[in-house]
Amino acid sequence: MAQSLKEQFAYLESHSTSTQQKAKGVIIAEIAVKARVDVKWEYVIYIQMYGPPVKGQFDPVYLEQIRDGIEDGTIKVPG
């Protein structure tokens, strides 16, 4: 997960169009929204186990392993 975050920060810094000094460090923000979001459990579990996907692409091998685990009951999801 740490490596993924480093890569994401490096990408954002290299693609910044700001003429001001670039920020260093983490900026945390929170937005309260009233909405319903449907997410498949395999993606939630993936992020819990492996962190956010590198460059936004989930590893298909890990996803398949998670799907198999959910199907055979070795990975429990809330019902």
PDB file of N, CA and C in Angstrom:
ATOM      1  N   MET A   1       0.828  -1.183   0.000  1.00  0.00           N
ATOM      2  CA  MET A   1       0.000   0.000   0.000  1.00  0.00           C
ATOM      3  C   MET A   1       0.876   1.252   0.000  1.00  0.00           C
ATOM      4  N   ALA A   2       1.961   1.206   0.786  1.00  0.00           N
ATOM      5  CA  ALA A   2       2.854   2.363   0.847  1.00  0.00           C
ATOM      6  C   ALA A   2       3.446   2.662  -0.525  1.00  0.00           C
ATOM      7  N   GLN A   3       3.834   1.607  -1.245  1.00  0.00           N
ATOM      8  CA  GLN A   3       4.408   1.795  -2.574  1.00  0.00           C
ATOM      9  C   GLN A   3       3.382   2.412  -3.519  1.00  0.00           C
ATOM     10  N   SER A   4       2.152   1.938  -3.432  1.00  0.00           N
ATOM     11  CA  SER A   4       1.092   2.477  -4.276  1.00  0.00           C
ATOM     12  C   SER A   4       0.886   3.969  -4.009  1.00  0.00           C
ATOM     13  N   LEU A   5       0.875   4.350  -2.733  1.00  0.00           N
ATOM     14  CA  LEU A   5       0.703   5.763  -2.394  1.00  0.00           C
ATOM     15  C   LEU A   5       1.871   6.596  -2.905  1.00  0.00           C
ATOM     16  N   LYS A   6       3.105   6.093  -2.769  1.00  0.00           N
ATOM     17  CA  LYS A   6       4.272   6.817  -3.276  1.00  0.00           C
ATOM     18  C   LYS A   6       4.150   7.046  -4.774  1.00  0.00           C
ATOM     19  N   GLU A   7       3.730   6.006  -5.494  1.00  0.00           N
ATOM     20  CA  GLU A   7       3.580   6.128  -6.942  1.00  0.00           C
ATOM     21  C   GLU A   7       2.495   7.135  -7.302  1.00  0.00           C
ATOM     22  N   GLN A   8       1.406   7.118  -6.562  1.00  0.00           N
ATOM     23  CA  GLN A   8       0.316   8.055  -6.841  1.00  0.00           C
ATOM     24  C   GLN A   8       0.743   9.492  -6.563  1.00  0.00           C
ATOM     25  N   PHE A   9       1.457   9.731  -5.448  1.00  0.00           N
ATOM     26  CA  PHE A   9       1.944  11.086  -5.139  1.00  0.00           C
ATOM     27  C   PHE A   9       2.944  11.552  -6.190  1.00  0.00           C
ATOM     28  N   ALA A  10       3.841  10.664  -6.621  1.00  0.00           N
ATOM     29  CA  ALA A  10       4.819  11.026  -7.644  1.00  0.00           C
ATOM     30  C   ALA A  10       4.118  11.384  -8.949  1.00  0.00           C
ATOM     31  N   TYR A  11       3.111  10.597  -9.310  1.00  0.00           N
ATOM     32  CA  TYR A  11       2.353  10.872 -10.537  1.00  0.00           C
ATOM     33  C   TYR A  11       1.661  12.231 -10.450  1.00  0.00           C
ATOM     34  N   LEU A  12       0.976  12.491  -9.332  1.00  0.00           N
ATOM     35  CA  LEU A  12       0.275  13.765  -9.184  1.00  0.00           C
ATOM     36  C   LEU A  12       1.245  14.942  -9.219  1.00  0.00           C
ATOM     37  N   GLU A  13       2.394  14.796  -8.562  1.00  0.00           N
ATOM     38  CA  GLU A  13       3.375  15.873  -8.551  1.00  0.00           C
ATOM     39  C   GLU A  13       3.923  16.124  -9.952  1.00  0.00           C
ATOM     40  N   SER A  14       4.204  15.066 -10.701  1.00  0.00           N
ATOM     41  CA  SER A  14       4.783  15.233 -12.041  1.00  0.00           C
ATOM     42  C   SER A  14       3.767  15.788 -13.040  1.00  0.00           C
ATOM     43  N   HIS A  15       2.472  15.592 -12.772  1.00  0.00           N
ATOM     44  CA  HIS A  15       1.444  16.072 -13.694  1.00  0.00           C
ATOM     45  C   HIS A  15       0.751  17.352 -13.205  1.00  0.00           C
ATOM     46  N   SER A  16       1.307  17.975 -12.199  1.00  0.00           N
ATOM     47  CA  SER A  16       0.724  19.208 -11.676  1.00  0.00           C
ATOM     48  C   SER A  16       0.980  20.355 -12.649  1.00  0.00           C
ATOM     49  N   THR A  17      -0.029  21.173 -12.850  1.00  0.00           N
ATOM     50  CA  THR A  17       0.119  22.332 -13.725  1.00  0.00           C
ATOM     51  C   THR A  17       0.238  23.620 -12.915  1.00  0.00           C
ATOM     52  N   SER A  18       0.362  23.476 -11.618  1.00  0.00           N
ATOM     53  CA  SER A  18       0.448  24.632 -10.733  1.00  0.00           C
ATOM     54  C   SER A  18       1.768  25.363 -10.944  1.00  0.00           C
ATOM     55  N   THR A  19       1.710  26.685 -10.905  1.00  0.00           N
ATOM     56  CA  THR A  19       2.936  27.479 -10.997  1.00  0.00           C
ATOM     57  C   THR A  19       3.464  27.796  -9.605  1.00  0.00           C
ATOM     58  N   GLN A  20       2.673  27.492  -8.583  1.00  0.00           N
ATOM     59  CA  GLN A  20       3.096  27.730  -7.211  1.00  0.00           C
ATOM     60  C   GLN A  20       3.916  26.540  -6.732  1.00  0.00           C
ATOM     61  N   GLN A  21       4.531  26.713  -5.564  1.00  0.00           N
ATOM     62  CA  GLN A  21       5.325  25.636  -4.987  1.00  0.00           C
ATOM     63  C   GLN A  21       4.422  24.436  -4.726  1.00  0.00           C
ATOM     64  N   LYS A  22       4.904  23.257  -5.069  1.00  0.00           N
ATOM     65  CA  LYS A  22       4.127  22.037  -4.886  1.00  0.00           C
ATOM     66  C   LYS A  22       4.112  21.641  -3.424  1.00  0.00           C
ATOM     67  N   ALA A  23       2.952  21.197  -2.965  1.00  0.00           N
ATOM     68  CA  ALA A  23       2.801  20.764  -1.581  1.00  0.00           C
ATOM     69  C   ALA A  23       3.536  19.449  -1.363  1.00  0.00           C
ATOM     70  N   LYS A  24       4.101  19.285  -0.194  1.00  0.00           N
ATOM     71  CA  LYS A  24       4.744  18.031   0.192  1.00  0.00           C
ATOM     72  C   LYS A  24       3.973  17.481   1.378  1.00  0.00           C
ATOM     73  N   GLY A  25       3.710  16.203   1.372  1.00  0.00           N
ATOM     74  CA  GLY A  25       2.997  15.591   2.485  1.00  0.00           C
ATOM     75  C   GLY A  25       1.597  15.188   2.081  1.00  0.00           C
ATOM     76  N   VAL A  26       0.836  14.791   3.060  1.00  0.00           N
ATOM     77  CA  VAL A  26      -0.498  14.270   2.835  1.00  0.00           C
ATOM     78  C   VAL A  26      -1.534  15.321   3.178  1.00  0.00           C
ATOM     79  N   ILE A  27      -2.508  15.458   2.324  1.00  0.00           N
ATOM     80  CA  ILE A  27      -3.645  16.340   2.580  1.00  0.00           C
ATOM     81  C   ILE A  27      -4.861  15.437   2.714  1.00  0.00           C
ATOM     82  N   ILE A  28      -5.523  15.507   3.846  1.00  0.00           N
ATOM     83  CA  ILE A  28      -6.690  14.666   4.084  1.00  0.00           C
ATOM     84  C   ILE A  28      -7.931  15.544   4.045  1.00  0.00           C
ATOM     85  N   ALA A  29      -8.915  15.086   3.318  1.00  0.00           N
ATOM     86  CA  ALA A  29     -10.162  15.838   3.198  1.00  0.00           C
ATOM     87  C   ALA A  29     -11.326  14.892   3.406  1.00  0.00           C
ATOM     88  N   GLU A  30     -12.443  15.452   3.812  1.00  0.00           N
ATOM     89  CA  GLU A  30     -13.642  14.647   4.013  1.00  0.00           C
ATOM     90  C   GLU A  30     -14.834  15.422   3.497  1.00  0.00           C
ATOM     91  N   ILE A  31     -15.696  14.738   2.806  1.00  0.00           N
ATOM     92  CA  ILE A  31     -16.919  15.344   2.295  1.00  0.00           C
ATOM     93  C   ILE A  31     -18.080  14.464   2.725  1.00  0.00           C
ATOM     94  N   ALA A  32     -19.087  15.059   3.328  1.00  0.00           N
ATOM     95  CA  ALA A  32     -20.277  14.307   3.726  1.00  0.00           C
ATOM     96  C   ALA A  32     -21.284  14.369   2.585  1.00  0.00           C
ATOM     97  N   VAL A  33     -21.694  13.206   2.117  1.00  0.00           N
ATOM     98  CA  VAL A  33     -22.625  13.119   1.001  1.00  0.00           C
ATOM     99  C   VAL A  33     -23.707  12.112   1.361  1.00  0.00           C
ATOM    100  N   LYS A  34     -24.939  12.473   1.085  1.00  0.00           N
ATOM    101  CA  LYS A  34     -26.036  11.530   1.269  1.00  0.00           C
ATOM    102  C   LYS A  34     -26.316  10.888  -0.076  1.00  0.00           C
ATOM    103  N   ALA A  35     -25.895   9.643  -0.207  1.00  0.00           N
ATOM    104  CA  ALA A  35     -26.095   8.920  -1.468  1.00  0.00           C
ATOM    105  C   ALA A  35     -25.947   7.431  -1.202  1.00  0.00           C
ATOM    106  N   ARG A  36     -26.463   6.655  -2.095  1.00  0.00           N
ATOM    107  CA  ARG A  36     -26.308   5.201  -2.014  1.00  0.00           C
ATOM    108  C   ARG A  36     -25.246   4.800  -3.026  1.00  0.00           C
ATOM    109  N   VAL A  37     -24.292   4.044  -2.550  1.00  0.00           N
ATOM    110  CA  VAL A  37     -23.220   3.570  -3.417  1.00  0.00           C
ATOM    111  C   VAL A  37     -23.204   2.048  -3.362  1.00  0.00           C
ATOM    112  N   ASP A  38     -23.267   1.415  -4.507  1.00  0.00           N
ATOM    113  CA  ASP A  38     -23.185  -0.041  -4.576  1.00  0.00           C
ATOM    114  C   ASP A  38     -21.792  -0.426  -5.061  1.00  0.00           C
ATOM    115  N   VAL A  39     -21.116  -1.214  -4.252  1.00  0.00           N
ATOM    116  CA  VAL A  39     -19.775  -1.675  -4.582  1.00  0.00           C
ATOM    117  C   VAL A  39     -19.735  -3.183  -4.371  1.00  0.00           C
ATOM    118  N   LYS A  40     -19.171  -3.893  -5.312  1.00  0.00           N
ATOM    119  CA  LYS A  40     -19.046  -5.336  -5.142  1.00  0.00           C
ATOM    120  C   LYS A  40     -18.043  -5.622  -4.030  1.00  0.00           C
ATOM    121  N   TRP A  41     -18.352  -6.632  -3.215  1.00  0.00           N
ATOM    122  CA  TRP A  41     -17.513  -6.966  -2.077  1.00  0.00           C
ATOM    123  C   TRP A  41     -16.095  -7.335  -2.499  1.00  0.00           C
ATOM    124  N   GLU A  42     -15.924  -7.881  -3.677  1.00  0.00           N
ATOM    125  CA  GLU A  42     -14.581  -8.279  -4.096  1.00  0.00           C
ATOM    126  C   GLU A  42     -13.631  -7.080  -4.162  1.00  0.00           C
ATOM    127  N   TYR A  43     -14.166  -5.891  -4.508  1.00  0.00           N
ATOM    128  CA  TYR A  43     -13.323  -4.699  -4.572  1.00  0.00           C
ATOM    129  C   TYR A  43     -13.005  -4.163  -3.176  1.00  0.00           C
ATOM    130  N   VAL A  44     -13.982  -4.223  -2.288  1.00  0.00           N
ATOM    131  CA  VAL A  44     -13.755  -3.796  -0.907  1.00  0.00           C
ATOM    132  C   VAL A  44     -12.686  -4.677  -0.264  1.00  0.00           C
ATOM    133  N   ILE A  45     -12.831  -5.974  -0.432  1.00  0.00           N
ATOM    134  CA  ILE A  45     -11.885  -6.929   0.151  1.00  0.00           C
ATOM    135  C   ILE A  45     -10.499  -6.753  -0.471  1.00  0.00           C
ATOM    136  N   TYR A  46     -10.448  -6.525  -1.770  1.00  0.00           N
ATOM    137  CA  TYR A  46      -9.171  -6.301  -2.462  1.00  0.00           C
ATOM    138  C   TYR A  46      -8.423  -5.136  -1.820  1.00  0.00           C
ATOM    139  N   ILE A  47      -9.113  -4.023  -1.628  1.00  0.00           N
ATOM    140  CA  ILE A  47      -8.468  -2.835  -1.055  1.00  0.00           C
ATOM    141  C   ILE A  47      -8.051  -3.098   0.391  1.00  0.00           C
ATOM    142  N   GLN A  48      -8.874  -3.823   1.136  1.00  0.00           N
ATOM    143  CA  GLN A  48      -8.501  -4.167   2.508  1.00  0.00           C
ATOM    144  C   GLN A  48      -7.248  -5.033   2.536  1.00  0.00           C
ATOM    145  N   MET A  49      -7.128  -5.961   1.609  1.00  0.00           N
ATOM    146  CA  MET A  49      -6.005  -6.906   1.604  1.00  0.00           C
ATOM    147  C   MET A  49      -4.743  -6.343   0.948  1.00  0.00           C
ATOM    148  N   TYR A  50      -4.899  -5.632  -0.159  1.00  0.00           N
ATOM    149  CA  TYR A  50      -3.751  -5.237  -0.970  1.00  0.00           C
ATOM    150  C   TYR A  50      -3.568  -3.725  -1.110  1.00  0.00           C
ATOM    151  N   GLY A  51      -4.499  -2.954  -0.571  1.00  0.00           N
ATOM    152  CA  GLY A  51      -4.416  -1.509  -0.725  1.00  0.00           C
ATOM    153  C   GLY A  51      -5.037  -1.074  -2.042  1.00  0.00           C
ATOM    154  N   PRO A  52      -5.003   0.224  -2.311  1.00  0.00           N
ATOM    155  CA  PRO A  52      -5.605   0.715  -3.551  1.00  0.00           C
ATOM    156  C   PRO A  52      -4.857   0.168  -4.764  1.00  0.00           C
ATOM    157  N   PRO A  53      -5.571  -0.069  -5.847  1.00  0.00           N
ATOM    158  CA  PRO A  53      -4.923  -0.627  -7.028  1.00  0.00           C
ATOM    159  C   PRO A  53      -3.936   0.368  -7.651  1.00  0.00           C
ATOM    160  N   VAL A  54      -2.794  -0.148  -8.095  1.00  0.00           N
ATOM    161  CA  VAL A  54      -1.785   0.689  -8.724  1.00  0.00           C
ATOM    162  C   VAL A  54      -2.324   1.215 -10.047  1.00  0.00           C
ATOM    163  N   LYS A  55      -2.227   2.501 -10.219  1.00  0.00           N
ATOM    164  CA  LYS A  55      -2.707   3.190 -11.428  1.00  0.00           C
ATOM    165  C   LYS A  55      -4.180   2.905 -11.687  1.00  0.00           C
ATOM    166  N   GLY A  56      -4.933   2.602 -10.624  1.00  0.00           N
ATOM    167  CA  GLY A  56      -6.373   2.398 -10.739  1.00  0.00           C
ATOM    168  C   GLY A  56      -6.792   1.083 -11.360  1.00  0.00           C
ATOM    169  N   GLN A  57      -5.848   0.161 -11.552  1.00  0.00           N
ATOM    170  CA  GLN A  57      -6.176  -1.111 -12.189  1.00  0.00           C
ATOM    171  C   GLN A  57      -6.058  -2.243 -11.178  1.00  0.00           C
ATOM    172  N   PHE A  58      -7.176  -2.907 -10.923  1.00  0.00           N
ATOM    173  CA  PHE A  58      -7.193  -4.044 -10.015  1.00  0.00           C
ATOM    174  C   PHE A  58      -6.491  -5.225 -10.680  1.00  0.00           C
ATOM    175  N   ASP A  59      -5.689  -5.951  -9.909  1.00  0.00           N
ATOM    176  CA  ASP A  59      -4.998  -7.132 -10.427  1.00  0.00           C
ATOM    177  C   ASP A  59      -6.025  -8.246 -10.634  1.00  0.00           C
ATOM    178  N   PRO A  60      -6.191  -8.728 -11.866  1.00  0.00           N
ATOM    179  CA  PRO A  60      -7.224  -9.726 -12.134  1.00  0.00           C
ATOM    180  C   PRO A  60      -6.991 -11.061 -11.420  1.00  0.00           C
ATOM    181  N   VAL A  61      -5.734 -11.409 -11.164  1.00  0.00           N
ATOM    182  CA  VAL A  61      -5.434 -12.658 -10.460  1.00  0.00           C
ATOM    183  C   VAL A  61      -5.932 -12.577  -9.018  1.00  0.00           C
ATOM    184  N   TYR A  62      -5.638 -11.464  -8.350  1.00  0.00           N
ATOM    185  CA  TYR A  62      -6.098 -11.283  -6.970  1.00  0.00           C
ATOM    186  C   TYR A  62      -7.621 -11.234  -6.910  1.00  0.00           C
ATOM    187  N   LEU A  63      -8.237 -10.545  -7.867  1.00  0.00           N
ATOM    188  CA  LEU A  63      -9.704 -10.474  -7.882  1.00  0.00           C
ATOM    189  C   LEU A  63     -10.314 -11.860  -8.037  1.00  0.00           C
ATOM    190  N   GLU A  64      -9.743 -12.665  -8.902  1.00  0.00           N
ATOM    191  CA  GLU A  64     -10.269 -14.013  -9.109  1.00  0.00           C
ATOM    192  C   GLU A  64     -10.116 -14.860  -7.845  1.00  0.00           C
ATOM    193  N   GLN A  65      -8.988 -14.714  -7.156  1.00  0.00           N
ATOM    194  CA  GLN A  65      -8.790 -15.438  -5.899  1.00  0.00           C
ATOM    195  C   GLN A  65      -9.825 -15.016  -4.859  1.00  0.00           C
ATOM    196  N   ILE A  66     -10.112 -13.734  -4.811  1.00  0.00           N
ATOM    197  CA  ILE A  66     -11.116 -13.226  -3.872  1.00  0.00           C
ATOM    198  C   ILE A  66     -12.496 -13.751  -4.244  1.00  0.00           C
ATOM    199  N   ARG A  67     -12.835 -13.706  -5.521  1.00  0.00           N
ATOM    200  CA  ARG A  67     -14.139 -14.217  -5.968  1.00  0.00           C
ATOM    201  C   ARG A  67     -14.297 -15.694  -5.614  1.00  0.00           C
ATOM    202  N   ASP A  68     -13.238 -16.467  -5.848  1.00  0.00           N
ATOM    203  CA  ASP A  68     -13.279 -17.886  -5.511  1.00  0.00           C
ATOM    204  C   ASP A  68     -13.469 -18.085  -4.013  1.00  0.00           C
ATOM    205  N   GLY A  69     -12.785 -17.268  -3.205  1.00  0.00           N
ATOM    206  CA  GLY A  69     -12.914 -17.356  -1.751  1.00  0.00           C
ATOM    207  C   GLY A  69     -14.310 -17.012  -1.267  1.00  0.00           C
ATOM    208  N   ILE A  70     -14.921 -16.018  -1.892  1.00  0.00           N
ATOM    209  CA  ILE A  70     -16.294 -15.651  -1.538  1.00  0.00           C
ATOM    210  C   ILE A  70     -17.238 -16.788  -1.916  1.00  0.00           C
ATOM    211  N   GLU A  71     -17.037 -17.346  -3.106  1.00  0.00           N
ATOM    212  CA  GLU A  71     -17.910 -18.421  -3.587  1.00  0.00           C
ATOM    213  C   GLU A  71     -17.808 -19.680  -2.723  1.00  0.00           C
ATOM    214  N   ASP A  72     -16.592 -20.065  -2.335  1.00  0.00           N
ATOM    215  CA  ASP A  72     -16.446 -21.301  -1.556  1.00  0.00           C
ATOM    216  C   ASP A  72     -16.562 -21.096  -0.047  1.00  0.00           C
ATOM    217  N   GLY A  73     -16.760 -19.826   0.367  1.00  0.00           N
ATOM    218  CA  GLY A  73     -17.014 -19.551   1.782  1.00  0.00           C
ATOM    219  C   GLY A  73     -15.778 -19.314   2.638  1.00  0.00           C
ATOM    220  N   THR A  74     -14.583 -19.366   2.038  1.00  0.00           N
ATOM    221  CA  THR A  74     -13.377 -19.104   2.824  1.00  0.00           C
ATOM    222  C   THR A  74     -13.202 -17.617   3.119  1.00  0.00           C
ATOM    223  N   ILE A  75     -13.844 -16.776   2.327  1.00  0.00           N
ATOM    224  CA  ILE A  75     -13.875 -15.332   2.600  1.00  0.00           C
ATOM    225  C   ILE A  75     -15.329 -14.978   2.890  1.00  0.00           C
ATOM    226  N   LYS A  76     -15.559 -14.438   4.068  1.00  0.00           N
ATOM    227  CA  LYS A  76     -16.922 -14.081   4.504  1.00  0.00           C
ATOM    228  C   LYS A  76     -17.216 -12.630   4.183  1.00  0.00           C
ATOM    229  N   VAL A  77     -18.394 -12.396   3.643  1.00  0.00           N
ATOM    230  CA  VAL A  77     -18.863 -11.034   3.387  1.00  0.00           C
ATOM    231  C   VAL A  77     -20.179 -10.825   4.141  1.00  0.00           C
ATOM    232  N   PRO A  78     -20.437  -9.619   4.607  1.00  0.00           N
ATOM    233  CA  PRO A  78     -21.708  -9.362   5.284  1.00  0.00           C
ATOM    234  C   PRO A  78     -22.871  -9.655   4.344  1.00  0.00           C
ATOM    235  N   GLY A  79     -23.898 -10.240   4.908  1.00  0.00           N
ATOM    236  CA  GLY A  79     -25.055 -10.634   4.104  1.00  0.00           C
ATOM    237  C   GLY A  79     -26.117  -9.665   4.218  1.00  0.00           C
TER     238      GLY A  79
END
